[in-house]
C-alpha atoms as a PDB file:
ATOM      1  CA  UNK A   1     -18.858-151.103 113.757  1.00  0.00           C
ATOM      2  CA  UNK A   2     -21.479-148.468 115.035  1.00  0.00           C
ATOM      3  CA  UNK A   3     -18.817-146.297 116.920  1.00  0.00           C
ATOM      4  CA  UNK A   4     -19.171-143.126 114.899  1.00  0.00           C
ATOM      5  CA  UNK A   5     -22.627-142.568 114.420  1.00  0.00           C
ATOM      6  CA  UNK A   6     -24.387-143.849 117.411  1.00  0.00           C
ATOM      7  CA  UNK A   7     -25.424-142.552 120.648  1.00  0.00           C
ATOM      8  CA  UNK A   8     -25.534-145.032 123.273  1.00  0.00           C
ATOM      9  CA  UNK A   9     -27.845-144.126 126.357  1.00  0.00           C
ATOM     10  CA  UNK A  10     -27.763-145.730 129.788  1.00  0.00           C
ATOM     11  CA  UNK A  11     -30.552-148.416 128.848  1.00  0.00           C
ATOM     12  CA  UNK A  12     -28.186-149.998 126.469  1.00  0.00           C
ATOM     13  CA  UNK A  13     -30.143-148.679 123.133  1.00  0.00           C
ATOM     14  CA  UNK A  14     -28.217-147.415 120.270  1.00  0.00           C
ATOM     15  CA  UNK A  15     -29.702-144.934 118.283  1.00  0.00           C
ATOM     16  CA  UNK A  16     -28.741-144.432 114.935  1.00  0.00           C
ATOM     17  CA  UNK A  17     -29.551-141.230 112.988  1.00  0.00           C
ATOM     18  CA  UNK A  18     -28.089-140.914 110.095  1.00  0.00           C
ATOM     19  CA  UNK A  19     -30.255-143.826 108.400  1.00  0.00           C
ATOM     20  CA  UNK A  20     -33.816-144.051 108.127  1.00  0.00           C
ATOM     21  CA  UNK A  21     -35.802-147.149 109.763  1.00  0.00           C
ATOM     22  CA  UNK A  22     -36.430-149.415 107.182  1.00  0.00           C
ATOM     23  CA  UNK A  23     -32.911-149.388 106.208  1.00  0.00           C
ATOM     24  CA  UNK A  24     -31.422-150.046 109.899  1.00  0.00           C
ATOM     25  CA  UNK A  25     -34.249-152.825 110.152  1.00  0.00           C
ATOM     26  CA  UNK A  26     -33.020-154.708 106.863  1.00  0.00           C
ATOM     27  CA  UNK A  27     -29.498-154.631 108.144  1.00  0.00           C
ATOM     28  CA  UNK A  28     -30.213-155.969 111.315  1.00  0.00           C
ATOM     29  CA  UNK A  29     -32.204-158.481 109.336  1.00  0.00           C
ATOM     30  CA  UNK A  30     -28.931-159.362 107.366  1.00  0.00           C
ATOM     31  CA  UNK A  31     -27.094-159.478 110.269  1.00  0.00           C
ATOM     32  CA  UNK A  32     -29.149-162.344 111.446  1.00  0.00           C
ATOM     33  CA  UNK A  33     -29.142-163.992 108.666  1.00  0.00           C
ATOM     34  CA  UNK A  34     -32.261-163.569 106.884  1.00  0.00           C
ATOM     35  CA  UNK A  35     -32.374-163.184 103.091  1.00  0.00           C
ATOM     36  CA  UNK A  36     -33.005-159.513 102.497  1.00  0.00           C
ATOM     37  CA  UNK A  37     -33.082-159.406  98.796  1.00  0.00           C
ATOM     38  CA  UNK A  38     -37.327-159.883  99.057  1.00  0.00           C
ATOM     39  CA  UNK A  39     -36.991-156.488 101.154  1.00  0.00           C
ATOM     40  CA  UNK A  40     -35.000-154.954  98.464  1.00  0.00           C
ATOM     41  CA  UNK A  41     -35.157-152.171  95.192  1.00  0.00           C
ATOM     42  CA  UNK A  42     -32.894-150.036  94.268  1.00  0.00           C
ATOM     43  CA  UNK A  43     -33.277-147.203  96.547  1.00  0.00           C
ATOM     44  CA  UNK A  44     -33.025-149.189  99.555  1.00  0.00           C
ATOM     45  CA  UNK A  45     -29.787-151.526  97.937  1.00  0.00           C
ATOM     46  CA  UNK A  46     -28.249-148.186  97.201  1.00  0.00           C
ATOM     47  CA  UNK A  47     -28.788-146.854 100.855  1.00  0.00           C
ATOM     48  CA  UNK A  48     -27.541-149.863 102.402  1.00  0.00           C
ATOM     49  CA  UNK A  49     -24.792-149.598 100.584  1.00  0.00           C
ATOM     50  CA  UNK A  50     -24.084-146.526 102.055  1.00  0.00           C
ATOM     51  CA  UNK A  51     -24.926-147.710 105.589  1.00  0.00           C
ATOM     52  CA  UNK A  52     -22.564-150.614 104.995  1.00  0.00           C
ATOM     53  CA  UNK A  53     -20.059-148.335 103.878  1.00  0.00           C
ATOM     54  CA  UNK A  54     -19.884-145.546 106.595  1.00  0.00           C
ATOM     55  CA  UNK A  55     -20.199-148.644 109.342  1.00  0.00           C
ATOM     56  CA  UNK A  56     -17.503-150.796 107.655  1.00  0.00           C
ATOM     57  CA  UNK A  57     -19.620-153.539 107.625  1.00  0.00           C
ATOM     58  CA  UNK A  58     -17.771-155.183 104.392  1.00  0.00           C
ATOM     59  CA  UNK A  59     -19.947-158.688 103.515  1.00  0.00           C
ATOM     60  CA  UNK A  60     -23.122-156.085 103.502  1.00  0.00           C
ATOM     61  CA  UNK A  61     -20.958-153.509 101.221  1.00  0.00           C
ATOM     62  CA  UNK A  62     -20.247-156.450  98.730  1.00  0.00           C
ATOM     63  CA  UNK A  63     -23.900-157.842  98.747  1.00  0.00           C
ATOM     64  CA  UNK A  64     -25.210-154.480  97.822  1.00  0.00           C
ATOM     65  CA  UNK A  65     -22.398-153.830  95.052  1.00  0.00           C
ATOM     66  CA  UNK A  66     -24.101-157.366  93.629  1.00  0.00           C
ATOM     67  CA  UNK A  67     -26.926-156.408  94.162  1.00  0.00           C
ATOM     68  CA  UNK A  68     -27.074-153.226  92.705  1.00  0.00           C
ATOM     69  CA  UNK A  69     -24.512-154.431  89.162  1.00  0.00           C
ATOM     70  CA  UNK A  70     -27.311-157.183  88.892  1.00  0.00           C
ATOM     71  CA  UNK A  71     -30.482-154.508  89.032  1.00  0.00           C
ATOM     72  CA  UNK A  72     -28.591-151.954  86.421  1.00  0.00           C
ATOM     73  CA  UNK A  73     -30.551-150.850  83.445  1.00  0.00           C
ATOM     74  CA  UNK A  74     -30.173-147.827  81.440  1.00  0.00           C
ATOM     75  CA  UNK A  75     -32.889-146.135  83.375  1.00  0.00           C
ATOM     76  CA  UNK A  76     -31.063-146.463  86.754  1.00  0.00           C
ATOM     77  CA  UNK A  77     -27.359-146.928  85.730  1.00  0.00           C
ATOM     78  CA  UNK A  78     -26.618-143.182  86.514  1.00  0.00           C
ATOM     79  CA  UNK A  79     -27.833-143.222  90.132  1.00  0.00           C
ATOM     80  CA  UNK A  80     -26.266-146.430  90.545  1.00  0.00           C
ATOM     81  CA  UNK A  81     -22.972-145.018  89.615  1.00  0.00           C
ATOM     82  CA  UNK A  82     -22.984-142.077  91.934  1.00  0.00           C
ATOM     83  CA  UNK A  83     -24.167-144.511  94.713  1.00  0.00           C
ATOM     84  CA  UNK A  84     -20.958-146.232  94.642  1.00  0.00           C
ATOM     85  CA  UNK A  85     -18.761-143.117  94.356  1.00  0.00           C
ATOM     86  CA  UNK A  86     -20.387-142.000  97.288  1.00  0.00           C
ATOM     87  CA  UNK A  87     -19.915-145.135  99.135  1.00  0.00           C
ATOM     88  CA  UNK A  88     -16.320-145.505  97.981  1.00  0.00           C
ATOM     89  CA  UNK A  89     -16.902-148.363  96.051  1.00  0.00           C
ATOM     90  CA  UNK A  90     -14.327-149.267  93.245  1.00  0.00           C
ATOM     91  CA  UNK A  91     -15.560-152.392  92.047  1.00  0.00           C
ATOM     92  CA  UNK A  92     -19.236-151.728  91.581  1.00  0.00           C
ATOM     93  CA  UNK A  93     -18.026-148.186  89.748  1.00  0.00           C
ATOM     94  CA  UNK A  94     -15.907-149.801  87.261  1.00  0.00           C
ATOM     95  CA  UNK A  95     -18.244-152.609  86.349  1.00  0.00           C
ATOM     96  CA  UNK A  96     -20.528-149.551  85.839  1.00  0.00           C
ATOM     97  CA  UNK A  97     -17.807-147.920  83.837  1.00  0.00           C
ATOM     98  CA  UNK A  98     -17.875-150.954  81.698  1.00  0.00           C
ATOM     99  CA  UNK A  99     -21.866-150.830  81.357  1.00  0.00           C
ATOM    100  CA  UNK A 100     -21.519-147.288  80.117  1.00  0.00           C
ATOM    101  CA  UNK A 101     -19.284-148.140  77.459  1.00  0.00           C
ATOM    102  CA  UNK A 102     -21.010-150.948  76.431  1.00  0.00           C
ATOM    103  CA  UNK A 103     -23.934-148.912  76.549  1.00  0.00           C
ATOM    104  CA  UNK A 104     -22.151-146.241  74.551  1.00  0.00           C
ATOM    105  CA  UNK A 105     -21.212-148.387  71.584  1.00  0.00           C
ATOM    106  CA  UNK A 106     -24.341-149.579  71.096  1.00  0.00           C
ATOM    107  CA  UNK A 107     -25.946-146.159  71.420  1.00  0.00           C
ATOM    108  CA  UNK A 108     -28.344-147.131  74.190  1.00  0.00           C
ATOM    109  CA  UNK A 109     -30.471-144.330  75.436  1.00  0.00           C
ATOM    110  CA  UNK A 110     -29.465-143.733  79.453  1.00  0.00           C
ATOM    111  CA  UNK A 111     -31.620-142.033  81.242  1.00  0.00           C
ATOM    112  CA  UNK A 112     -30.434-139.164  83.838  1.00  0.00           C
ATOM    113  CA  UNK A 113     -26.839-138.243  82.237  1.00  0.00           C
ATOM    114  CA  UNK A 114     -27.246-134.838  84.017  1.00  0.00           C
ATOM    115  CA  UNK A 115     -27.284-136.021  87.716  1.00  0.00           C
ATOM    116  CA  UNK A 116     -24.007-138.022  86.742  1.00  0.00           C
ATOM    117  CA  UNK A 117     -20.685-137.188  88.613  1.00  0.00           C
ATOM    118  CA  UNK A 118     -18.771-134.944  86.644  1.00  0.00           C
ATOM    119  CA  UNK A 119     -15.398-136.844  87.194  1.00  0.00           C
ATOM    120  CA  UNK A 120     -16.933-139.878  86.127  1.00  0.00           C
ATOM    121  CA  UNK A 121     -18.226-138.025  82.923  1.00  0.00           C
ATOM    122  CA  UNK A 122     -14.778-136.875  82.065  1.00  0.00           C
ATOM    123  CA  UNK A 123     -13.547-140.441  82.468  1.00  0.00           C
ATOM    124  CA  UNK A 124     -15.700-141.929  80.707  1.00  0.00           C
ATOM    125  CA  UNK A 125     -15.589-139.615  77.785  1.00  0.00           C
ATOM    126  CA  UNK A 126     -11.481-139.928  77.710  1.00  0.00           C
ATOM    127  CA  UNK A 127     -11.703-143.769  77.534  1.00  0.00           C
ATOM    128  CA  UNK A 128     -14.157-143.482  74.748  1.00  0.00           C
ATOM    129  CA  UNK A 129     -12.150-141.236  72.356  1.00  0.00           C
ATOM    130  CA  UNK A 130      -8.914-143.995  73.317  1.00  0.00           C
ATOM    131  CA  UNK A 131     -10.975-147.057  72.223  1.00  0.00           C
ATOM    132  CA  UNK A 132     -12.099-145.319  68.994  1.00  0.00           C
ATOM    133  CA  UNK A 133      -8.971-145.427  67.039  1.00  0.00           C
END
């Protein structure tokens, strides 16, 4: 699991340098069956989603996809969309896409539209015109 982004030393230690300590610590708690939701916020959820994608931890990835989807709001949806794209989370991206369509229909203000992935915006624009007639 940790083959690609780690350094093993002769002391049977593993050093993970691509993620901050808190993220690795939460992931380890998850591996031991500890409920990690009390440690989570959107930022940690996104980083854990990326961690799970990098190291191929499918159950953690599914858990973070679900967590992030249930935490979505007009104030953080752009950040979650971008994370879903970077983490190859098709299911989360599709759910966010549907949420965007709902927000558009209701004219809901979405924060940080300028950070949204360009391809996602283009697909959203295409979908909005295909549903209008």
